């Protein structure tokens, strides 16, 4: 799982897509943020796949075909919600209310 840090610290870059909000890559892990604000991490992604993902005009189509449906990359949801409704990294203290942790 991701190390203890805030959601803002994930290496995410906004993209123009109706299916995805942002993408990022760090140490073989591809991060994908969706319109729901939740982030999934896909593990063991080669740099060549990341470079191809950055270059394609349709990020959603690439993600669907080459990442999600390929089954090559183990996925994990790295975000959850707090009782106040905020979204952040699982098991971290809520950034909004500070009284609870983010849960799946």
N, C-alpha and C. Protein backbone atom coordinates (compact mmCIF):
# COMPACT_ATOMS: atom_id res chain seq x y z
N UNK A 1 0.84 -1.19 0.00
CA UNK A 1 0.00 0.00 0.00
C UNK A 1 0.88 1.24 0.00
N UNK A 2 0.29 2.37 -0.27
CA UNK A 2 1.03 3.62 -0.29
C UNK A 2 1.53 3.96 1.10
N UNK A 3 2.60 4.73 1.16
CA UNK A 3 3.12 5.15 2.45
C UNK A 3 2.23 6.24 3.02
N UNK A 4 2.38 6.48 4.32
CA UNK A 4 1.54 7.47 4.99
C UNK A 4 1.87 8.87 4.48
N UNK A 5 0.97 9.44 3.73
CA UNK A 5 1.06 10.80 3.22
C UNK A 5 -0.32 11.22 2.77
N UNK A 6 -0.49 12.50 2.53
CA UNK A 6 -1.82 12.97 2.16
C UNK A 6 -2.10 12.65 0.69
N UNK A 7 -3.37 12.69 0.36
CA UNK A 7 -3.80 12.44 -1.01
C UNK A 7 -3.15 13.42 -1.97
N UNK A 8 -2.97 14.66 -1.53
CA UNK A 8 -2.35 15.69 -2.37
C UNK A 8 -0.91 15.35 -2.72
N UNK A 9 -0.26 14.49 -1.93
CA UNK A 9 1.14 14.16 -2.17
C UNK A 9 1.32 13.06 -3.22
N UNK A 10 0.22 12.42 -3.64
CA UNK A 10 0.35 11.41 -4.69
C UNK A 10 0.76 12.08 -5.99
N UNK A 11 1.55 11.40 -6.81
CA UNK A 11 2.04 12.00 -8.05
C UNK A 11 0.99 12.02 -9.15
N UNK A 12 -0.03 12.84 -9.00
CA UNK A 12 -1.14 12.89 -9.95
C UNK A 12 -1.09 14.14 -10.81
N UNK A 13 -1.29 13.96 -12.10
CA UNK A 13 -1.35 15.06 -13.06
C UNK A 13 -2.73 15.05 -13.70
N UNK A 14 -3.44 16.17 -13.72
CA UNK A 14 -4.76 16.22 -14.35
C UNK A 14 -4.70 15.83 -15.83
N UNK A 15 -5.76 15.16 -16.29
CA UNK A 15 -5.86 14.79 -17.71
C UNK A 15 -7.22 15.21 -18.24
N UNK A 16 -7.28 15.40 -19.56
CA UNK A 16 -8.55 15.69 -20.22
C UNK A 16 -9.17 14.36 -20.61
N UNK A 17 -10.21 13.98 -19.86
CA UNK A 17 -10.87 12.70 -20.09
C UNK A 17 -12.21 12.73 -19.39
N UNK A 18 -13.20 12.08 -19.98
CA UNK A 18 -14.49 11.98 -19.31
C UNK A 18 -14.49 10.83 -18.30
N UNK A 19 -13.53 9.91 -18.43
CA UNK A 19 -13.49 8.73 -17.55
C UNK A 19 -12.50 8.87 -16.40
N UNK A 20 -11.46 9.70 -16.59
CA UNK A 20 -10.40 9.83 -15.60
C UNK A 20 -10.17 11.29 -15.27
N UNK A 21 -9.75 11.56 -14.05
CA UNK A 21 -9.47 12.93 -13.62
C UNK A 21 -7.97 13.22 -13.66
N UNK A 22 -7.17 12.23 -13.19
CA UNK A 22 -5.72 12.43 -13.11
C UNK A 22 -5.02 11.08 -13.17
N UNK A 23 -3.76 11.11 -13.60
CA UNK A 23 -2.93 9.91 -13.63
C UNK A 23 -1.55 10.28 -13.10
N UNK A 24 -0.84 9.27 -12.61
CA UNK A 24 0.51 9.50 -12.13
C UNK A 24 1.27 8.20 -12.05
N UNK A 25 2.57 8.31 -11.88
CA UNK A 25 3.43 7.12 -11.88
C UNK A 25 4.59 7.35 -10.94
N UNK A 26 4.90 6.32 -10.14
CA UNK A 26 6.03 6.41 -9.21
C UNK A 26 6.48 5.00 -8.85
N UNK A 27 7.73 4.70 -9.09
CA UNK A 27 8.34 3.43 -8.69
C UNK A 27 7.54 2.20 -9.13
N UNK A 28 7.10 2.18 -10.38
CA UNK A 28 6.38 1.04 -10.91
C UNK A 28 4.91 0.97 -10.54
N UNK A 29 4.41 2.03 -9.89
CA UNK A 29 2.99 2.07 -9.51
C UNK A 29 2.30 3.17 -10.31
N UNK A 30 1.26 2.78 -11.01
CA UNK A 30 0.45 3.72 -11.78
C UNK A 30 -0.75 4.11 -10.93
N UNK A 31 -0.96 5.41 -10.74
CA UNK A 31 -2.09 5.92 -9.98
C UNK A 31 -3.12 6.49 -10.96
N UNK A 32 -4.39 6.14 -10.74
CA UNK A 32 -5.47 6.63 -11.59
C UNK A 32 -6.56 7.18 -10.67
N UNK A 33 -6.91 8.46 -10.88
CA UNK A 33 -7.99 9.07 -10.12
C UNK A 33 -9.21 9.21 -11.02
N UNK A 34 -10.37 8.87 -10.46
CA UNK A 34 -11.62 8.87 -11.20
C UNK A 34 -12.49 10.07 -10.81
N UNK A 35 -13.55 10.35 -11.57
CA UNK A 35 -14.43 11.47 -11.24
C UNK A 35 -15.02 11.40 -9.82
N UNK A 36 -15.09 10.22 -9.24
CA UNK A 36 -15.58 10.07 -7.86
C UNK A 36 -14.58 10.62 -6.84
N UNK A 37 -13.36 10.95 -7.30
CA UNK A 37 -12.21 11.40 -6.49
C UNK A 37 -11.41 10.24 -5.92
N UNK A 38 -11.89 9.01 -6.07
CA UNK A 38 -11.14 7.87 -5.57
C UNK A 38 -9.95 7.55 -6.48
N UNK A 39 -8.91 6.99 -5.86
CA UNK A 39 -7.68 6.66 -6.56
C UNK A 39 -7.41 5.17 -6.44
N UNK A 40 -7.03 4.56 -7.55
CA UNK A 40 -6.58 3.18 -7.56
C UNK A 40 -5.11 3.16 -7.94
N UNK A 41 -4.37 2.23 -7.34
CA UNK A 41 -2.95 2.03 -7.66
C UNK A 41 -2.82 0.70 -8.39
N UNK A 42 -2.14 0.71 -9.52
CA UNK A 42 -1.87 -0.49 -10.31
C UNK A 42 -0.38 -0.78 -10.20
N UNK A 43 -0.05 -1.97 -9.71
CA UNK A 43 1.33 -2.31 -9.39
C UNK A 43 2.05 -3.03 -10.53
N UNK A 44 3.38 -2.93 -10.51
CA UNK A 44 4.26 -3.61 -11.49
C UNK A 44 4.04 -3.12 -12.92
N UNK A 45 3.74 -1.84 -13.06
CA UNK A 45 3.53 -1.27 -14.39
C UNK A 45 4.88 -0.80 -14.95
N UNK A 46 5.28 -1.34 -16.10
CA UNK A 46 6.55 -0.91 -16.70
C UNK A 46 6.50 0.55 -17.14
N UNK A 47 7.64 1.18 -17.14
CA UNK A 47 7.75 2.58 -17.55
C UNK A 47 7.25 2.75 -18.98
N UNK A 48 7.42 1.74 -19.82
CA UNK A 48 6.97 1.84 -21.21
C UNK A 48 5.44 1.98 -21.30
N UNK A 49 4.72 1.31 -20.40
CA UNK A 49 3.26 1.44 -20.37
C UNK A 49 2.87 2.84 -19.90
N UNK A 50 3.57 3.35 -18.89
CA UNK A 50 3.31 4.72 -18.41
C UNK A 50 3.55 5.73 -19.53
N UNK A 51 4.64 5.58 -20.26
CA UNK A 51 4.95 6.51 -21.35
C UNK A 51 3.90 6.44 -22.45
N UNK A 52 3.44 5.23 -22.76
CA UNK A 52 2.39 5.06 -23.77
C UNK A 52 1.09 5.70 -23.28
N UNK A 53 0.77 5.53 -22.00
CA UNK A 53 -0.44 6.10 -21.41
C UNK A 53 -0.42 7.62 -21.52
N UNK A 54 0.71 8.21 -21.25
CA UNK A 54 0.83 9.66 -21.34
C UNK A 54 0.65 10.16 -22.77
N UNK A 55 1.05 9.36 -23.74
CA UNK A 55 1.08 9.80 -25.14
C UNK A 55 -0.26 9.65 -25.87
N UNK A 56 -1.12 8.76 -25.41
CA UNK A 56 -2.36 8.51 -26.16
C UNK A 56 -3.37 9.64 -25.98
N UNK A 57 -4.17 9.91 -27.02
CA UNK A 57 -5.17 10.97 -26.90
C UNK A 57 -6.36 10.58 -26.02
N UNK A 58 -6.72 9.28 -25.99
CA UNK A 58 -7.86 8.84 -25.18
C UNK A 58 -7.36 8.07 -23.96
N UNK A 59 -7.23 8.77 -22.85
CA UNK A 59 -6.73 8.15 -21.62
C UNK A 59 -7.70 7.08 -21.11
N UNK A 60 -9.00 7.36 -21.19
CA UNK A 60 -9.98 6.40 -20.71
C UNK A 60 -9.96 5.10 -21.49
N UNK A 61 -9.86 5.19 -22.81
CA UNK A 61 -9.82 3.98 -23.65
C UNK A 61 -8.55 3.18 -23.37
N UNK A 62 -7.42 3.88 -23.22
CA UNK A 62 -6.16 3.19 -22.93
C UNK A 62 -6.25 2.49 -21.58
N UNK A 63 -6.72 3.21 -20.56
CA UNK A 63 -6.84 2.62 -19.22
C UNK A 63 -7.72 1.37 -19.27
N UNK A 64 -8.86 1.47 -19.93
CA UNK A 64 -9.79 0.35 -19.99
C UNK A 64 -9.18 -0.87 -20.67
N UNK A 65 -8.54 -0.67 -21.81
CA UNK A 65 -8.00 -1.78 -22.59
C UNK A 65 -6.66 -2.31 -22.08
N UNK A 66 -5.76 -1.41 -21.76
CA UNK A 66 -4.39 -1.81 -21.45
C UNK A 66 -4.09 -2.00 -19.97
N UNK A 67 -4.88 -1.40 -19.11
CA UNK A 67 -4.63 -1.50 -17.67
C UNK A 67 -5.70 -2.37 -17.01
N UNK A 68 -6.93 -1.92 -17.03
CA UNK A 68 -8.01 -2.60 -16.33
C UNK A 68 -8.29 -4.00 -16.89
N UNK A 69 -8.61 -4.07 -18.17
CA UNK A 69 -9.03 -5.35 -18.76
C UNK A 69 -7.87 -6.30 -19.06
N UNK A 70 -6.66 -5.79 -19.11
CA UNK A 70 -5.53 -6.66 -19.42
C UNK A 70 -5.27 -7.66 -18.30
N UNK A 71 -5.60 -7.29 -17.06
CA UNK A 71 -5.38 -8.18 -15.93
C UNK A 71 -3.92 -8.36 -15.56
N UNK A 72 -3.04 -7.59 -16.16
CA UNK A 72 -1.60 -7.74 -15.92
C UNK A 72 -1.12 -7.06 -14.65
N UNK A 73 -1.90 -6.09 -14.17
CA UNK A 73 -1.40 -5.25 -13.09
C UNK A 73 -2.32 -5.33 -11.87
N UNK A 74 -1.81 -5.88 -10.75
CA UNK A 74 -2.64 -5.95 -9.55
C UNK A 74 -3.09 -4.55 -9.13
N UNK A 75 -4.38 -4.43 -8.83
CA UNK A 75 -4.94 -3.13 -8.47
C UNK A 75 -5.33 -3.09 -7.01
N UNK A 76 -5.22 -1.90 -6.43
CA UNK A 76 -5.69 -1.69 -5.06
C UNK A 76 -6.26 -0.29 -4.95
N UNK A 77 -7.41 -0.22 -4.29
CA UNK A 77 -8.01 1.08 -4.02
C UNK A 77 -7.24 1.70 -2.86
N UNK A 78 -6.74 2.90 -3.04
CA UNK A 78 -5.92 3.53 -2.00
C UNK A 78 -6.64 4.65 -1.28
N UNK A 79 -7.89 4.91 -1.66
CA UNK A 79 -8.67 5.96 -1.00
C UNK A 79 -9.94 5.39 -0.41
N UNK A 80 -10.46 6.12 0.56
CA UNK A 80 -11.71 5.76 1.19
C UNK A 80 -12.43 7.02 1.62
N UNK A 81 -13.52 6.87 2.34
CA UNK A 81 -14.28 8.02 2.80
C UNK A 81 -14.27 8.08 4.32
N UNK A 82 -14.51 9.27 4.84
CA UNK A 82 -14.60 9.52 6.27
C UNK A 82 -16.08 9.66 6.62
N UNK A 83 -16.40 9.64 7.90
CA UNK A 83 -17.79 9.83 8.32
C UNK A 83 -18.31 11.19 7.89
N UNK A 84 -17.42 12.18 7.70
CA UNK A 84 -17.85 13.51 7.27
C UNK A 84 -18.03 13.59 5.76
N UNK A 85 -17.65 12.52 5.03
CA UNK A 85 -17.81 12.49 3.59
C UNK A 85 -16.57 12.83 2.79
N UNK A 86 -15.49 13.26 3.46
CA UNK A 86 -14.25 13.60 2.78
C UNK A 86 -13.61 12.32 2.23
N UNK A 87 -12.82 12.45 1.16
CA UNK A 87 -12.11 11.32 0.57
C UNK A 87 -10.61 11.53 0.76
N UNK A 88 -9.92 10.46 1.20
CA UNK A 88 -8.48 10.53 1.40
C UNK A 88 -7.86 9.15 1.43
N UNK A 89 -6.56 9.09 1.73
CA UNK A 89 -5.84 7.82 1.76
C UNK A 89 -6.35 6.94 2.89
N UNK A 90 -6.55 5.67 2.58
CA UNK A 90 -7.05 4.72 3.57
C UNK A 90 -6.21 4.73 4.83
N UNK A 91 -6.89 4.64 5.96
CA UNK A 91 -6.29 4.54 7.29
C UNK A 91 -5.57 5.80 7.76
N UNK A 92 -5.63 6.88 6.99
CA UNK A 92 -5.02 8.14 7.41
C UNK A 92 -6.09 9.00 8.11
N UNK A 93 -5.66 9.90 8.98
CA UNK A 93 -6.58 10.79 9.66
C UNK A 93 -7.22 11.73 8.65
N UNK A 94 -8.51 11.95 8.81
CA UNK A 94 -9.26 12.79 7.88
C UNK A 94 -8.68 14.20 7.82
N UNK A 95 -8.46 14.69 6.60
CA UNK A 95 -7.94 16.04 6.39
C UNK A 95 -8.98 17.11 6.72
N UNK A 96 -10.26 16.77 6.64
CA UNK A 96 -11.32 17.76 6.86
C UNK A 96 -11.71 17.90 8.32
N UNK A 97 -12.05 16.78 8.96
CA UNK A 97 -12.54 16.87 10.33
C UNK A 97 -11.52 16.43 11.37
N UNK A 98 -10.54 15.62 10.96
CA UNK A 98 -9.49 15.17 11.87
C UNK A 98 -9.94 14.20 12.94
N UNK A 99 -11.22 13.84 12.94
CA UNK A 99 -11.72 12.99 14.02
C UNK A 99 -11.82 11.51 13.65
N UNK A 100 -11.57 11.18 12.42
CA UNK A 100 -11.72 9.79 11.99
C UNK A 100 -10.70 9.48 10.90
N UNK A 101 -10.63 8.21 10.54
CA UNK A 101 -9.74 7.80 9.46
C UNK A 101 -10.58 7.43 8.24
N UNK A 102 -9.94 7.45 7.09
CA UNK A 102 -10.62 7.07 5.85
C UNK A 102 -10.75 5.55 5.78
N UNK A 103 -11.95 5.07 5.50
CA UNK A 103 -12.24 3.64 5.46
C UNK A 103 -12.80 3.27 4.09
N UNK A 104 -12.58 2.02 3.68
CA UNK A 104 -13.10 1.54 2.39
C UNK A 104 -14.55 1.65 2.33
